[in-house]
């Protein structure tokens, strides 16, 4: 079951500091005593508008860095830790092309793990 949280934070956090804070929780991200801290950390990471672009730029310099990534081509593994993984799926709007099938649009599915997510929306104008 999904819960939705609206958080208005202006602070940001560096990705390495974000990982360190999550590691300090030792897997208890969804515990009653930690859920607000987890949400706050994720909100701060959301406000860091350079970490993902920086990661993707580094990836382009060393494509082999994702060789152990078992997900599909649109999912990037940002960090794999003892108690959690951080991944960034890139969802491109459906275009009516055959290639849309790789993105499993409109296919309901479940996850066998707890997850927390946030998203960036990029709006582009077609000329």
N, C-alpha and C. Protein backbone atom coordinates (compact mmCIF):
# COMPACT_ATOMS: atom_id res chain seq x y z
N UNK A 1 0.84 -1.17 0.00
CA UNK A 1 0.00 0.00 0.00
C UNK A 1 0.89 1.24 0.00
N UNK A 2 0.52 2.19 -0.79
CA UNK A 2 1.33 3.41 -0.92
C UNK A 2 0.85 4.49 0.04
N UNK A 3 1.80 5.18 0.63
CA UNK A 3 1.55 6.37 1.42
C UNK A 3 2.23 7.52 0.70
N UNK A 4 1.63 8.69 0.75
CA UNK A 4 2.19 9.85 0.09
C UNK A 4 2.49 10.92 1.14
N UNK A 5 3.65 11.55 1.01
CA UNK A 5 4.08 12.58 1.94
C UNK A 5 4.46 13.82 1.16
N UNK A 6 3.99 14.96 1.60
CA UNK A 6 4.42 16.22 1.01
C UNK A 6 5.34 16.88 2.01
N UNK A 7 6.55 17.09 1.60
CA UNK A 7 7.56 17.69 2.48
C UNK A 7 8.12 18.91 1.77
N UNK A 8 8.16 20.00 2.47
CA UNK A 8 8.71 21.23 1.91
C UNK A 8 9.98 21.57 2.65
N UNK A 9 11.08 21.09 2.18
CA UNK A 9 12.40 21.38 2.77
C UNK A 9 13.18 22.21 1.76
N UNK A 10 13.99 23.11 2.26
CA UNK A 10 14.83 23.89 1.37
C UNK A 10 16.29 23.42 1.44
N UNK A 11 16.63 22.70 2.52
CA UNK A 11 18.00 22.23 2.64
C UNK A 11 18.25 21.10 1.65
N UNK A 12 19.52 20.91 1.32
CA UNK A 12 19.90 19.78 0.48
C UNK A 12 21.00 18.99 1.19
N UNK A 13 21.30 17.84 0.64
CA UNK A 13 22.32 16.97 1.22
C UNK A 13 23.15 16.39 0.09
N UNK A 14 24.43 16.21 0.34
CA UNK A 14 25.30 15.56 -0.64
C UNK A 14 24.98 14.06 -0.65
N UNK A 15 25.16 13.44 -1.80
CA UNK A 15 24.80 12.04 -1.94
C UNK A 15 25.57 11.15 -0.96
N UNK A 16 26.86 11.38 -0.80
CA UNK A 16 27.65 10.57 0.14
C UNK A 16 27.16 10.71 1.57
N UNK A 17 26.77 11.92 1.96
CA UNK A 17 26.23 12.15 3.30
C UNK A 17 24.87 11.46 3.45
N UNK A 18 24.07 11.48 2.41
CA UNK A 18 22.78 10.80 2.40
C UNK A 18 22.97 9.30 2.66
N UNK A 19 23.92 8.70 1.94
CA UNK A 19 24.22 7.26 2.10
C UNK A 19 24.70 6.98 3.53
N UNK A 20 25.56 7.83 4.05
CA UNK A 20 26.08 7.65 5.41
C UNK A 20 24.94 7.70 6.44
N UNK A 21 24.02 8.65 6.28
CA UNK A 21 22.89 8.75 7.21
C UNK A 21 22.00 7.51 7.14
N UNK A 22 21.76 7.00 5.93
CA UNK A 22 20.95 5.79 5.80
C UNK A 22 21.67 4.59 6.41
N UNK A 23 22.96 4.48 6.19
CA UNK A 23 23.73 3.38 6.79
C UNK A 23 23.66 3.43 8.31
N UNK A 24 23.65 4.63 8.88
CA UNK A 24 23.55 4.77 10.33
C UNK A 24 22.25 4.17 10.88
N UNK A 25 21.20 4.11 10.07
CA UNK A 25 19.91 3.55 10.51
C UNK A 25 19.89 2.03 10.47
N UNK A 26 20.89 1.42 9.87
CA UNK A 26 21.05 -0.04 9.81
C UNK A 26 19.79 -0.78 9.39
N UNK A 27 19.13 -0.25 8.37
CA UNK A 27 17.97 -0.94 7.80
C UNK A 27 16.64 -0.56 8.40
N UNK A 28 16.62 0.29 9.41
CA UNK A 28 15.36 0.66 10.05
C UNK A 28 14.69 1.88 9.46
N UNK A 29 14.76 2.06 8.17
CA UNK A 29 14.27 3.27 7.50
C UNK A 29 12.78 3.49 7.68
N UNK A 30 12.01 2.39 7.75
CA UNK A 30 10.55 2.48 7.81
C UNK A 30 10.03 2.30 9.23
N UNK A 31 10.92 2.15 10.20
CA UNK A 31 10.51 2.04 11.60
C UNK A 31 9.83 3.34 12.04
N UNK A 32 8.91 3.22 12.96
CA UNK A 32 8.18 4.39 13.45
C UNK A 32 9.13 5.49 13.92
N UNK A 33 10.21 5.10 14.56
CA UNK A 33 11.14 6.12 15.08
C UNK A 33 12.01 6.73 13.99
N UNK A 34 12.08 6.14 12.80
CA UNK A 34 12.97 6.64 11.75
C UNK A 34 12.26 7.16 10.49
N UNK A 35 10.99 6.86 10.32
CA UNK A 35 10.33 7.17 9.04
C UNK A 35 10.40 8.67 8.71
N UNK A 36 10.20 9.53 9.69
CA UNK A 36 10.27 10.97 9.41
C UNK A 36 11.68 11.40 9.03
N UNK A 37 12.69 10.80 9.65
CA UNK A 37 14.08 11.11 9.29
C UNK A 37 14.37 10.64 7.87
N UNK A 38 13.88 9.44 7.52
CA UNK A 38 14.07 8.92 6.17
C UNK A 38 13.43 9.84 5.14
N UNK A 39 12.21 10.26 5.41
CA UNK A 39 11.50 11.16 4.50
C UNK A 39 12.25 12.49 4.38
N UNK A 40 12.72 13.00 5.49
CA UNK A 40 13.46 14.26 5.48
C UNK A 40 14.75 14.14 4.65
N UNK A 41 15.47 13.04 4.84
CA UNK A 41 16.71 12.83 4.07
C UNK A 41 16.43 12.75 2.58
N UNK A 42 15.39 12.02 2.21
CA UNK A 42 15.05 11.88 0.80
C UNK A 42 14.63 13.23 0.21
N UNK A 43 13.92 14.01 1.00
CA UNK A 43 13.53 15.34 0.55
C UNK A 43 14.75 16.23 0.33
N UNK A 44 15.73 16.14 1.22
CA UNK A 44 16.96 16.91 1.06
C UNK A 44 17.74 16.46 -0.17
N UNK A 45 17.75 15.15 -0.43
CA UNK A 45 18.42 14.66 -1.63
C UNK A 45 17.72 15.17 -2.88
N UNK A 46 16.41 15.20 -2.84
CA UNK A 46 15.62 15.75 -3.95
C UNK A 46 16.04 17.18 -4.25
N UNK A 47 16.35 17.95 -3.22
CA UNK A 47 16.75 19.35 -3.41
C UNK A 47 18.17 19.50 -3.96
N UNK A 48 18.94 18.44 -3.94
CA UNK A 48 20.28 18.47 -4.52
C UNK A 48 20.13 18.19 -6.02
N UNK A 49 20.06 19.21 -6.81
CA UNK A 49 19.76 19.06 -8.23
C UNK A 49 20.98 18.77 -9.09
N UNK A 50 22.13 18.46 -8.47
CA UNK A 50 23.32 18.15 -9.27
C UNK A 50 23.81 16.72 -9.10
N UNK A 51 23.43 16.04 -8.02
CA UNK A 51 24.03 14.73 -7.76
C UNK A 51 23.71 13.72 -8.86
N UNK A 52 22.48 13.71 -9.37
CA UNK A 52 22.11 12.72 -10.38
C UNK A 52 22.79 13.03 -11.72
N UNK A 53 22.82 14.28 -12.11
CA UNK A 53 23.51 14.66 -13.35
C UNK A 53 24.99 14.33 -13.25
N UNK A 54 25.58 14.56 -12.10
CA UNK A 54 26.98 14.24 -11.89
C UNK A 54 27.21 12.73 -12.01
N UNK A 55 26.33 11.95 -11.41
CA UNK A 55 26.44 10.51 -11.51
C UNK A 55 26.35 10.06 -12.96
N UNK A 56 25.38 10.57 -13.70
CA UNK A 56 25.21 10.17 -15.09
C UNK A 56 26.39 10.60 -15.94
N UNK A 57 26.97 11.76 -15.67
CA UNK A 57 28.17 12.19 -16.40
C UNK A 57 29.33 11.23 -16.13
N UNK A 58 29.50 10.82 -14.87
CA UNK A 58 30.55 9.86 -14.53
C UNK A 58 30.30 8.52 -15.21
N UNK A 59 29.03 8.11 -15.27
CA UNK A 59 28.67 6.86 -15.94
C UNK A 59 29.08 6.90 -17.42
N UNK A 60 28.83 8.02 -18.07
CA UNK A 60 29.19 8.14 -19.49
C UNK A 60 30.70 8.04 -19.70
N UNK A 61 31.47 8.41 -18.69
CA UNK A 61 32.93 8.29 -18.78
C UNK A 61 33.38 6.85 -18.58
N UNK A 62 32.57 6.06 -17.86
CA UNK A 62 32.93 4.67 -17.54
C UNK A 62 31.68 3.80 -17.57
N UNK A 63 31.22 3.48 -18.76
CA UNK A 63 29.98 2.71 -18.93
C UNK A 63 30.08 1.36 -18.24
N UNK A 64 31.25 0.79 -18.12
CA UNK A 64 31.42 -0.50 -17.46
C UNK A 64 31.09 -0.45 -15.98
N UNK A 65 30.95 0.75 -15.42
CA UNK A 65 30.64 0.87 -14.00
C UNK A 65 29.29 0.25 -13.65
N UNK A 66 28.44 0.03 -14.63
CA UNK A 66 27.12 -0.55 -14.39
C UNK A 66 27.05 -2.03 -14.77
N UNK A 67 28.19 -2.66 -14.98
CA UNK A 67 28.17 -4.06 -15.46
C UNK A 67 27.51 -5.02 -14.48
N UNK A 68 27.49 -4.72 -13.19
CA UNK A 68 26.84 -5.59 -12.23
C UNK A 68 25.37 -5.22 -12.02
N UNK A 69 24.88 -4.24 -12.76
CA UNK A 69 23.49 -3.82 -12.66
C UNK A 69 22.60 -4.87 -13.32
N UNK A 70 21.73 -5.49 -12.55
CA UNK A 70 20.86 -6.54 -13.06
C UNK A 70 19.51 -6.02 -13.56
N UNK A 71 19.31 -4.72 -13.50
CA UNK A 71 18.06 -4.14 -13.96
C UNK A 71 18.12 -3.83 -15.45
N UNK A 72 17.01 -3.35 -15.99
CA UNK A 72 16.96 -3.02 -17.41
C UNK A 72 17.78 -1.76 -17.70
N UNK A 73 17.92 -1.47 -18.97
CA UNK A 73 18.81 -0.39 -19.40
C UNK A 73 18.44 0.99 -18.88
N UNK A 74 17.19 1.21 -18.47
CA UNK A 74 16.82 2.54 -18.02
C UNK A 74 17.00 2.73 -16.51
N UNK A 75 17.53 1.71 -15.82
CA UNK A 75 17.73 1.80 -14.37
C UNK A 75 19.23 1.87 -14.06
N UNK A 76 19.61 2.90 -13.33
CA UNK A 76 21.01 3.06 -12.93
C UNK A 76 21.13 2.77 -11.44
N UNK A 77 22.10 1.95 -11.08
CA UNK A 77 22.38 1.69 -9.67
C UNK A 77 23.30 2.80 -9.17
N UNK A 78 22.80 3.57 -8.22
CA UNK A 78 23.58 4.67 -7.67
C UNK A 78 24.41 4.22 -6.48
N UNK A 79 23.87 3.27 -5.71
CA UNK A 79 24.60 2.76 -4.55
C UNK A 79 23.99 1.43 -4.12
N UNK A 80 24.84 0.49 -3.79
CA UNK A 80 24.40 -0.81 -3.28
C UNK A 80 25.06 -0.98 -1.93
N UNK A 81 24.24 -1.01 -0.89
CA UNK A 81 24.72 -1.09 0.49
C UNK A 81 24.19 -2.36 1.14
N UNK A 82 24.60 -2.61 2.36
CA UNK A 82 24.18 -3.82 3.08
C UNK A 82 22.66 -3.87 3.27
N UNK A 83 22.05 -2.76 3.63
CA UNK A 83 20.63 -2.74 3.97
C UNK A 83 19.74 -2.09 2.91
N UNK A 84 20.32 -1.58 1.85
CA UNK A 84 19.50 -0.88 0.87
C UNK A 84 20.27 -0.69 -0.44
N UNK A 85 19.51 -0.45 -1.48
CA UNK A 85 20.03 -0.05 -2.78
C UNK A 85 19.41 1.29 -3.13
N UNK A 86 20.16 2.12 -3.81
CA UNK A 86 19.63 3.37 -4.35
C UNK A 86 19.75 3.24 -5.87
N UNK A 87 18.64 3.37 -6.53
CA UNK A 87 18.64 3.26 -8.00
C UNK A 87 17.85 4.41 -8.60
N UNK A 88 18.15 4.71 -9.83
CA UNK A 88 17.50 5.81 -10.54
C UNK A 88 16.96 5.30 -11.87
N UNK A 89 15.67 4.98 -11.92
CA UNK A 89 15.08 4.61 -13.22
C UNK A 89 14.73 5.88 -13.99
N UNK A 90 14.98 5.86 -15.26
CA UNK A 90 14.66 6.98 -16.14
C UNK A 90 13.46 6.55 -16.99
N UNK A 91 12.34 7.20 -16.80
CA UNK A 91 11.13 6.86 -17.55
C UNK A 91 10.90 7.91 -18.63
N UNK A 92 10.97 7.49 -19.86
CA UNK A 92 10.73 8.36 -21.01
C UNK A 92 9.26 8.21 -21.39
N UNK A 93 8.56 9.30 -21.67
CA UNK A 93 7.14 9.17 -22.02
C UNK A 93 6.93 8.22 -23.20
N UNK A 94 5.86 7.43 -23.16
CA UNK A 94 5.60 6.51 -24.29
C UNK A 94 5.44 7.28 -25.59
N UNK A 95 5.94 6.68 -26.65
CA UNK A 95 5.93 7.35 -27.95
C UNK A 95 5.13 6.60 -29.00
N UNK A 96 4.54 5.46 -28.60
CA UNK A 96 3.80 4.66 -29.58
C UNK A 96 4.71 3.80 -30.43
N UNK A 97 5.99 3.73 -30.08
CA UNK A 97 6.96 2.94 -30.82
C UNK A 97 7.07 1.54 -30.22
N UNK A 98 7.60 0.62 -30.97
CA UNK A 98 7.85 -0.74 -30.49
C UNK A 98 8.74 -0.73 -29.25
N UNK A 99 9.67 0.20 -29.19
CA UNK A 99 10.61 0.26 -28.07
C UNK A 99 9.92 0.56 -26.73
N UNK A 100 8.70 1.06 -26.75
CA UNK A 100 7.98 1.33 -25.50
C UNK A 100 7.83 0.07 -24.65
N UNK A 101 7.83 -1.10 -25.28
CA UNK A 101 7.64 -2.34 -24.53
C UNK A 101 8.75 -2.59 -23.51
N UNK A 102 9.91 -2.01 -23.73
CA UNK A 102 11.02 -2.18 -22.79
C UNK A 102 10.75 -1.49 -21.45
N UNK A 103 9.84 -0.53 -21.45
CA UNK A 103 9.57 0.24 -20.25
C UNK A 103 8.38 -0.28 -19.44
N UNK A 104 7.77 -1.34 -19.84
CA UNK A 104 6.61 -1.97 -19.19
C UNK A 104 5.56 -0.95 -18.73
N UNK A 105 5.22 -0.02 -19.61
CA UNK A 105 4.15 0.93 -19.32
C UNK A 105 2.85 0.17 -19.15
N UNK A 106 2.00 0.66 -18.27
CA UNK A 106 0.66 0.09 -18.04
C UNK A 106 0.67 -1.37 -17.63
N UNK A 107 1.80 -1.83 -17.08
CA UNK A 107 1.87 -3.21 -16.60
C UNK A 107 1.93 -3.17 -15.07
N UNK A 108 0.81 -3.48 -14.43
CA UNK A 108 0.84 -3.48 -12.96
C UNK A 108 1.84 -4.50 -12.46
N UNK A 109 2.55 -4.14 -11.41
CA UNK A 109 3.51 -5.07 -10.85
C UNK A 109 3.71 -4.74 -9.37
N UNK A 110 4.35 -5.63 -8.70
CA UNK A 110 4.59 -5.50 -7.28
C UNK A 110 6.08 -5.60 -7.03
N UNK A 111 6.51 -5.19 -5.86
CA UNK A 111 7.91 -5.34 -5.47
C UNK A 111 7.96 -6.21 -4.23
N UNK A 112 8.96 -7.04 -4.13
CA UNK A 112 9.10 -7.90 -2.96
C UNK A 112 10.00 -7.25 -1.92
N UNK A 113 9.99 -5.94 -1.87
CA UNK A 113 10.77 -5.17 -0.91
C UNK A 113 10.06 -3.86 -0.65
N UNK A 114 10.36 -3.26 0.49
CA UNK A 114 9.83 -1.93 0.78
C UNK A 114 10.60 -0.92 -0.05
N UNK A 115 9.92 0.13 -0.46
CA UNK A 115 10.63 1.16 -1.20
C UNK A 115 10.06 2.53 -0.89
N UNK A 116 10.90 3.51 -1.07
CA UNK A 116 10.52 4.91 -0.96
C UNK A 116 11.05 5.56 -2.23
N UNK A 117 10.26 6.43 -2.80
CA UNK A 117 10.65 6.99 -4.08
C UNK A 117 10.32 8.47 -4.15
N UNK A 118 11.01 9.14 -5.03
CA UNK A 118 10.70 10.51 -5.39
C UNK A 118 10.97 10.63 -6.87
N UNK A 119 10.46 11.67 -7.47
CA UNK A 119 10.66 11.79 -8.91
C UNK A 119 10.90 13.22 -9.34
N UNK A 120 11.69 13.35 -10.37
CA UNK A 120 11.89 14.63 -11.03
C UNK A 120 11.07 14.58 -12.32
N UNK A 121 10.37 15.64 -12.62
CA UNK A 121 9.62 15.73 -13.86
C UNK A 121 10.32 16.74 -14.76
N UNK A 122 10.68 16.29 -15.94
CA UNK A 122 11.32 17.18 -16.90
C UNK A 122 10.33 17.37 -18.04
N UNK A 123 9.95 18.60 -18.27
CA UNK A 123 9.01 18.90 -19.33
C UNK A 123 9.78 19.53 -20.47
N UNK A 124 9.62 18.95 -21.63
CA UNK A 124 10.29 19.50 -22.81
C UNK A 124 9.22 19.90 -23.82
N UNK A 125 9.50 20.93 -24.54
CA UNK A 125 8.59 21.36 -25.59
C UNK A 125 9.00 20.74 -26.91
N UNK A 126 8.02 20.27 -27.64
CA UNK A 126 8.31 19.76 -28.99
C UNK A 126 8.19 20.92 -29.96
N UNK A 127 9.18 21.03 -30.81
CA UNK A 127 9.18 22.13 -31.78
C UNK A 127 8.77 21.61 -33.13
